[in-house]
Amino acid sequence: MEMRIIVTGSQTSAIKAKRLLEKNGLIAQVVRAPKYAEGCRFGIEILLADLPHTLSLLGEARIDYTEIIKTK
């Protein structure tokens, strides 16, 4: 399964995003962004297949993200 991390500005935003996605039937996990990302940032890890729906939900809820990172 291919995964992606959507990097948020804070742990609080990542938790809000996780709750929103789970409420809408998607699987998400709060994770720390990889070390090559600047600072101590958090994000949500999701399935690549769920990316379009996830981005739509985050936009509607006005939850900001800074980047999308491919995971191993």
PDB file of N, CA and C in Angstrom:
ATOM      1  N   MET A   1       0.833  -1.186   0.000  1.00  0.00           N
ATOM      2  CA  MET A   1       0.000   0.000   0.000  1.00  0.00           C
ATOM      3  C   MET A   1       0.878   1.250   0.000  1.00  0.00           C
ATOM      4  N   GLU A   2       0.601   2.125  -0.920  1.00  0.00           N
ATOM      5  CA  GLU A   2       1.333   3.392  -0.935  1.00  0.00           C
ATOM      6  C   GLU A   2       0.684   4.360   0.035  1.00  0.00           C
ATOM      7  N   MET A   3       1.529   5.042   0.784  1.00  0.00           N
ATOM      8  CA  MET A   3       1.054   5.975   1.792  1.00  0.00           C
ATOM      9  C   MET A   3       1.613   7.371   1.498  1.00  0.00           C
ATOM     10  N   ARG A   4       0.951   8.359   2.050  1.00  0.00           N
ATOM     11  CA  ARG A   4       1.406   9.743   1.981  1.00  0.00           C
ATOM     12  C   ARG A   4       1.246  10.374   3.357  1.00  0.00           C
ATOM     13  N   ILE A   5       2.116  11.337   3.664  1.00  0.00           N
ATOM     14  CA  ILE A   5       1.976  12.139   4.875  1.00  0.00           C
ATOM     15  C   ILE A   5       1.613  13.549   4.448  1.00  0.00           C
ATOM     16  N   ILE A   6       0.522  14.033   4.965  1.00  0.00           N
ATOM     17  CA  ILE A   6       0.113  15.416   4.743  1.00  0.00           C
ATOM     18  C   ILE A   6       0.590  16.196   5.958  1.00  0.00           C
ATOM     19  N   VAL A   7       1.556  17.072   5.759  1.00  0.00           N
ATOM     20  CA  VAL A   7       2.192  17.799   6.852  1.00  0.00           C
ATOM     21  C   VAL A   7       1.327  18.999   7.238  1.00  0.00           C
ATOM     22  N   THR A   8       1.003  19.059   8.518  1.00  0.00           N
ATOM     23  CA  THR A   8       0.225  20.174   9.061  1.00  0.00           C
ATOM     24  C   THR A   8       1.156  21.070   9.865  1.00  0.00           C
ATOM     25  N   GLY A   9       0.658  22.205  10.267  1.00  0.00           N
ATOM     26  CA  GLY A   9       1.485  23.142  11.017  1.00  0.00           C
ATOM     27  C   GLY A   9       1.685  22.779  12.472  1.00  0.00           C
ATOM     28  N   SER A  10       0.839  21.900  13.005  1.00  0.00           N
ATOM     29  CA  SER A  10       0.934  21.577  14.425  1.00  0.00           C
ATOM     30  C   SER A  10       0.335  20.206  14.710  1.00  0.00           C
ATOM     31  N   GLN A  11       0.612  19.727  15.898  1.00  0.00           N
ATOM     32  CA  GLN A  11       0.041  18.459  16.329  1.00  0.00           C
ATOM     33  C   GLN A  11      -1.475  18.599  16.474  1.00  0.00           C
ATOM     34  N   THR A  12      -1.933  19.748  16.940  1.00  0.00           N
ATOM     35  CA  THR A  12      -3.370  19.985  17.098  1.00  0.00           C
ATOM     36  C   THR A  12      -4.092  19.899  15.759  1.00  0.00           C
ATOM     37  N   SER A  13      -3.518  20.495  14.723  1.00  0.00           N
ATOM     38  CA  SER A  13      -4.127  20.428  13.393  1.00  0.00           C
ATOM     39  C   SER A  13      -4.152  18.997  12.873  1.00  0.00           C
ATOM     40  N   ALA A  14      -3.093  18.253  13.142  1.00  0.00           N
ATOM     41  CA  ALA A  14      -3.036  16.857  12.708  1.00  0.00           C
ATOM     42  C   ALA A  14      -4.128  16.030  13.400  1.00  0.00           C
ATOM     43  N   ILE A  15      -4.337  16.274  14.686  1.00  0.00           N
ATOM     44  CA  ILE A  15      -5.369  15.544  15.428  1.00  0.00           C
ATOM     45  C   ILE A  15      -6.756  15.908  14.904  1.00  0.00           C
ATOM     46  N   LYS A  16      -6.990  17.182  14.638  1.00  0.00           N
ATOM     47  CA  LYS A  16      -8.277  17.606  14.070  1.00  0.00           C
ATOM     48  C   LYS A  16      -8.518  16.935  12.721  1.00  0.00           C
ATOM     49  N   ALA A  17      -7.467  16.893  11.901  1.00  0.00           N
ATOM     50  CA  ALA A  17      -7.582  16.271  10.580  1.00  0.00           C
ATOM     51  C   ALA A  17      -7.894  14.783  10.719  1.00  0.00           C
ATOM     52  N   LYS A  18      -7.213  14.107  11.613  1.00  0.00           N
ATOM     53  CA  LYS A  18      -7.444  12.674  11.835  1.00  0.00           C
ATOM     54  C   LYS A  18      -8.892  12.420  12.229  1.00  0.00           C
ATOM     55  N   ARG A  19      -9.408  13.208  13.156  1.00  0.00           N
ATOM     56  CA  ARG A  19     -10.800  13.051  13.602  1.00  0.00           C
ATOM     57  C   ARG A  19     -11.773  13.282  12.454  1.00  0.00           C
ATOM     58  N   LEU A  20     -11.512  14.303  11.658  1.00  0.00           N
ATOM     59  CA  LEU A  20     -12.366  14.611  10.513  1.00  0.00           C
ATOM     60  C   LEU A  20     -12.382  13.450   9.520  1.00  0.00           C
ATOM     61  N   LEU A  21     -11.207  12.933   9.197  1.00  0.00           N
ATOM     62  CA  LEU A  21     -11.122  11.849   8.230  1.00  0.00           C
ATOM     63  C   LEU A  21     -11.797  10.582   8.743  1.00  0.00           C
ATOM     64  N   GLU A  22     -11.572  10.245  10.002  1.00  0.00           N
ATOM     65  CA  GLU A  22     -12.199   9.049  10.563  1.00  0.00           C
ATOM     66  C   GLU A  22     -13.718   9.189  10.618  1.00  0.00           C
ATOM     67  N   LYS A  23     -14.179  10.401  10.893  1.00  0.00           N
ATOM     68  CA  LYS A  23     -15.627  10.664  10.898  1.00  0.00           C
ATOM     69  C   LYS A  23     -16.227  10.416   9.515  1.00  0.00           C
ATOM     70  N   ASN A  24     -15.412  10.592   8.480  1.00  0.00           N
ATOM     71  CA  ASN A  24     -15.852  10.395   7.102  1.00  0.00           C
ATOM     72  C   ASN A  24     -15.442   9.039   6.534  1.00  0.00           C
ATOM     73  N   GLY A  25     -15.067   8.112   7.414  1.00  0.00           N
ATOM     74  CA  GLY A  25     -14.802   6.740   7.005  1.00  0.00           C
ATOM     75  C   GLY A  25     -13.421   6.455   6.445  1.00  0.00           C
ATOM     76  N   LEU A  26     -12.491   7.389   6.600  1.00  0.00           N
ATOM     77  CA  LEU A  26     -11.134   7.184   6.105  1.00  0.00           C
ATOM     78  C   LEU A  26     -10.198   6.806   7.255  1.00  0.00           C
ATOM     79  N   ILE A  27      -9.137   6.115   6.930  1.00  0.00           N
ATOM     80  CA  ILE A  27      -8.147   5.719   7.924  1.00  0.00           C
ATOM     81  C   ILE A  27      -7.018   6.740   7.914  1.00  0.00           C
ATOM     82  N   ALA A  28      -6.657   7.229   9.094  1.00  0.00           N
ATOM     83  CA  ALA A  28      -5.571   8.203   9.201  1.00  0.00           C
ATOM     84  C   ALA A  28      -4.849   7.994  10.517  1.00  0.00           C
ATOM     85  N   GLN A  29      -3.562   8.343  10.515  1.00  0.00           N
ATOM     86  CA  GLN A  29      -2.750   8.211  11.709  1.00  0.00           C
ATOM     87  C   GLN A  29      -1.924   9.481  11.865  1.00  0.00           C
ATOM     88  N   VAL A  30      -1.853  10.021  13.080  1.00  0.00           N
ATOM     89  CA  VAL A  30      -1.010  11.187  13.343  1.00  0.00           C
ATOM     90  C   VAL A  30       0.430  10.708  13.462  1.00  0.00           C
ATOM     91  N   VAL A  31       1.328  11.368  12.721  1.00  0.00           N
ATOM     92  CA  VAL A  31       2.745  10.999  12.719  1.00  0.00           C
ATOM     93  C   VAL A  31       3.606  12.259  12.750  1.00  0.00           C
ATOM     94  N   ARG A  32       4.858  12.090  13.150  1.00  0.00           N
ATOM     95  CA  ARG A  32       5.828  13.185  13.015  1.00  0.00           C
ATOM     96  C   ARG A  32       6.320  13.193  11.580  1.00  0.00           C
ATOM     97  N   ALA A  33       6.490  14.368  11.036  1.00  0.00           N
ATOM     98  CA  ALA A  33       7.025  14.475   9.676  1.00  0.00           C
ATOM     99  C   ALA A  33       8.473  13.992   9.685  1.00  0.00           C
ATOM    100  N   PRO A  34       8.936  13.418   8.582  1.00  0.00           N
ATOM    101  CA  PRO A  34      10.329  12.935   8.521  1.00  0.00           C
ATOM    102  C   PRO A  34      11.327  14.037   8.849  1.00  0.00           C
ATOM    103  N   LYS A  35      12.522  13.638   9.253  1.00  0.00           N
ATOM    104  CA  LYS A  35      13.543  14.588   9.709  1.00  0.00           C
ATOM    105  C   LYS A  35      13.954  15.605   8.663  1.00  0.00           C
ATOM    106  N   TYR A  36      13.815  15.262   7.372  1.00  0.00           N
ATOM    107  CA  TYR A  36      14.215  16.240   6.361  1.00  0.00           C
ATOM    108  C   TYR A  36      13.224  17.387   6.244  1.00  0.00           C
ATOM    109  N   ALA A  37      12.048  17.234   6.865  1.00  0.00           N
ATOM    110  CA  ALA A  37      11.102  18.346   6.910  1.00  0.00           C
ATOM    111  C   ALA A  37      11.587  19.326   7.987  1.00  0.00           C
ATOM    112  N   GLU A  38      11.365  20.596   7.775  1.00  0.00           N
ATOM    113  CA  GLU A  38      11.858  21.614   8.696  1.00  0.00           C
ATOM    114  C   GLU A  38      11.186  21.522  10.053  1.00  0.00           C
ATOM    115  N   GLY A  39      11.974  21.637  11.105  1.00  0.00           N
ATOM    116  CA  GLY A  39      11.453  21.709  12.460  1.00  0.00           C
ATOM    117  C   GLY A  39      10.756  20.433  12.917  1.00  0.00           C
ATOM    118  N   CYS A  40      10.028  20.572  13.984  1.00  0.00           N
ATOM    119  CA  CYS A  40       9.295  19.458  14.578  1.00  0.00           C
ATOM    120  C   CYS A  40       7.844  19.562  14.128  1.00  0.00           C
ATOM    121  N   ARG A  41       7.547  18.961  12.996  1.00  0.00           N
ATOM    122  CA  ARG A  41       6.208  19.087  12.440  1.00  0.00           C
ATOM    123  C   ARG A  41       5.479  17.754  12.485  1.00  0.00           C
ATOM    124  N   PHE A  42       4.178  17.864  12.503  1.00  0.00           N
ATOM    125  CA  PHE A  42       3.330  16.685  12.533  1.00  0.00           C
ATOM    126  C   PHE A  42       2.499  16.622  11.263  1.00  0.00           C
ATOM    127  N   GLY A  43       1.943  15.466  11.020  1.00  0.00           N
ATOM    128  CA  GLY A  43       1.082  15.292   9.870  1.00  0.00           C
ATOM    129  C   GLY A  43       0.182  14.091  10.071  1.00  0.00           C
ATOM    130  N   ILE A  44      -0.576  13.800   9.035  1.00  0.00           N
ATOM    131  CA  ILE A  44      -1.427  12.621   9.053  1.00  0.00           C
ATOM    132  C   ILE A  44      -0.990  11.712   7.919  1.00  0.00           C
ATOM    133  N   GLU A  45      -0.887  10.438   8.237  1.00  0.00           N
ATOM    134  CA  GLU A  45      -0.521   9.454   7.225  1.00  0.00           C
ATOM    135  C   GLU A  45      -1.797   8.813   6.710  1.00  0.00           C
ATOM    136  N   ILE A  46      -1.919   8.793   5.385  1.00  0.00           N
ATOM    137  CA  ILE A  46      -3.122   8.255   4.743  1.00  0.00           C
ATOM    138  C   ILE A  46      -2.733   7.365   3.570  1.00  0.00           C
ATOM    139  N   LEU A  47      -3.693   6.624   3.078  1.00  0.00           N
ATOM    140  CA  LEU A  47      -3.484   5.839   1.867  1.00  0.00           C
ATOM    141  C   LEU A  47      -3.469   6.775   0.663  1.00  0.00           C
ATOM    142  N   LEU A  48      -2.599   6.495  -0.293  1.00  0.00           N
ATOM    143  CA  LEU A  48      -2.531   7.301  -1.507  1.00  0.00           C
ATOM    144  C   LEU A  48      -3.894   7.356  -2.203  1.00  0.00           C
ATOM    145  N   ALA A  49      -4.606   6.257  -2.199  1.00  0.00           N
ATOM    146  CA  ALA A  49      -5.912   6.207  -2.857  1.00  0.00           C
ATOM    147  C   ALA A  49      -6.916   7.177  -2.226  1.00  0.00           C
ATOM    148  N   ASP A  50      -6.708   7.516  -0.961  1.00  0.00           N
ATOM    149  CA  ASP A  50      -7.624   8.428  -0.254  1.00  0.00           C
ATOM    150  C   ASP A  50      -7.217   9.896  -0.382  1.00  0.00           C
ATOM    151  N   LEU A  51      -6.110  10.172  -1.059  1.00  0.00           N
ATOM    152  CA  LEU A  51      -5.585  11.538  -1.118  1.00  0.00           C
ATOM    153  C   LEU A  51      -6.575  12.566  -1.678  1.00  0.00           C
ATOM    154  N   PRO A  52      -7.208  12.338  -2.828  1.00  0.00           N
ATOM    155  CA  PRO A  52      -8.133  13.351  -3.349  1.00  0.00           C
ATOM    156  C   PRO A  52      -9.287  13.664  -2.384  1.00  0.00           C
ATOM    157  N   HIS A  53      -9.891  12.630  -1.818  1.00  0.00           N
ATOM    158  CA  HIS A  53     -11.000  12.829  -0.873  1.00  0.00           C
ATOM    159  C   HIS A  53     -10.502  13.548   0.381  1.00  0.00           C
ATOM    160  N   THR A  54      -9.318  13.164   0.851  1.00  0.00           N
ATOM    161  CA  THR A  54      -8.738  13.795   2.039  1.00  0.00           C
ATOM    162  C   THR A  54      -8.508  15.277   1.817  1.00  0.00           C
ATOM    163  N   LEU A  55      -7.909  15.637   0.696  1.00  0.00           N
ATOM    164  CA  LEU A  55      -7.639  17.051   0.417  1.00  0.00           C
ATOM    165  C   LEU A  55      -8.925  17.855   0.309  1.00  0.00           C
ATOM    166  N   SER A  56      -9.954  17.255  -0.255  1.00  0.00           N
ATOM    167  CA  SER A  56     -11.251  17.918  -0.341  1.00  0.00           C
ATOM    168  C   SER A  56     -11.825  18.182   1.055  1.00  0.00           C
ATOM    169  N   LEU A  57     -11.777  17.170   1.914  1.00  0.00           N
ATOM    170  CA  LEU A  57     -12.301  17.320   3.280  1.00  0.00           C
ATOM    171  C   LEU A  57     -11.507  18.357   4.068  1.00  0.00           C
ATOM    172  N   LEU A  58     -10.185  18.330   3.937  1.00  0.00           N
ATOM    173  CA  LEU A  58      -9.361  19.308   4.653  1.00  0.00           C
ATOM    174  C   LEU A  58      -9.662  20.728   4.181  1.00  0.00           C
ATOM    175  N   GLY A  59      -9.858  20.894   2.882  1.00  0.00           N
ATOM    176  CA  GLY A  59     -10.187  22.211   2.348  1.00  0.00           C
ATOM    177  C   GLY A  59     -11.521  22.726   2.868  1.00  0.00           C
ATOM    178  N   GLU A  60     -12.520  21.855   2.874  1.00  0.00           N
ATOM    179  CA  GLU A  60     -13.847  22.243   3.378  1.00  0.00           C
ATOM    180  C   GLU A  60     -13.788  22.628   4.850  1.00  0.00           C
ATOM    181  N   ALA A  61     -12.950  21.933   5.629  1.00  0.00           N
ATOM    182  CA  ALA A  61     -12.833  22.194   7.065  1.00  0.00           C
ATOM    183  C   ALA A  61     -11.813  23.296   7.368  1.00  0.00           C
ATOM    184  N   ARG A  62     -11.160  23.806   6.327  1.00  0.00           N
ATOM    185  CA  ARG A  62     -10.141  24.850   6.462  1.00  0.00           C
ATOM    186  C   ARG A  62      -8.994  24.428   7.379  1.00  0.00           C
ATOM    187  N   ILE A  63      -8.579  23.189   7.211  1.00  0.00           N
ATOM    188  CA  ILE A  63      -7.400  22.687   7.920  1.00  0.00           C
ATOM    189  C   ILE A  63      -6.232  22.800   6.950  1.00  0.00           C
ATOM    190  N   ASP A  64      -5.268  23.653   7.286  1.00  0.00           N
ATOM    191  CA  ASP A  64      -4.144  23.919   6.408  1.00  0.00           C
ATOM    192  C   ASP A  64      -3.090  22.830   6.478  1.00  0.00           C
ATOM    193  N   TYR A  65      -2.394  22.651   5.370  1.00  0.00           N
ATOM    194  CA  TYR A  65      -1.254  21.747   5.311  1.00  0.00           C
ATOM    195  C   TYR A  65      -0.184  22.409   4.461  1.00  0.00           C
ATOM    196  N   THR A  66       1.062  22.001   4.680  1.00  0.00           N
ATOM    197  CA  THR A  66       2.164  22.667   3.982  1.00  0.00           C
ATOM    198  C   THR A  66       2.745  21.848   2.846  1.00  0.00           C
ATOM    199  N   GLU A  67       2.684  20.520   2.974  1.00  0.00           N
ATOM    200  CA  GLU A  67       3.218  19.678   1.903  1.00  0.00           C
ATOM    201  C   GLU A  67       2.695  18.259   2.031  1.00  0.00           C
ATOM    202  N   ILE A  68       2.904  17.511   0.974  1.00  0.00           N
ATOM    203  CA  ILE A  68       2.533  16.096   0.952  1.00  0.00           C
ATOM    204  C   ILE A  68       3.807  15.315   0.667  1.00  0.00           C
ATOM    205  N   ILE A  69       4.111  14.371   1.551  1.00  0.00           N
ATOM    206  CA  ILE A  69       5.366  13.626   1.464  1.00  0.00           C
ATOM    207  C   ILE A  69       5.064  12.157   1.151  1.00  0.00           C
ATOM    208  N   LYS A  70       5.811  11.609   0.195  1.00  0.00           N
ATOM    209  CA  LYS A  70       5.713  10.185  -0.118  1.00  0.00           C
ATOM    210  C   LYS A  70       6.460   9.402   0.956  1.00  0.00           C
ATOM    211  N   THR A  71       5.859   8.343   1.452  1.00  0.00           N
ATOM    212  CA  THR A  71       6.516   7.503   2.453  1.00  0.00           C
ATOM    213  C   THR A  71       6.998   6.226   1.797  1.00  0.00           C
ATOM    214  N   LYS A  72       7.787   5.466   2.518  1.00  0.00           N
ATOM    215  CA  LYS A  72       8.344   4.212   1.995  1.00  0.00           C
ATOM    216  C   LYS A  72       7.310   3.115   1.980  1.00  0.00           C
TER     217      LYS A  72
END
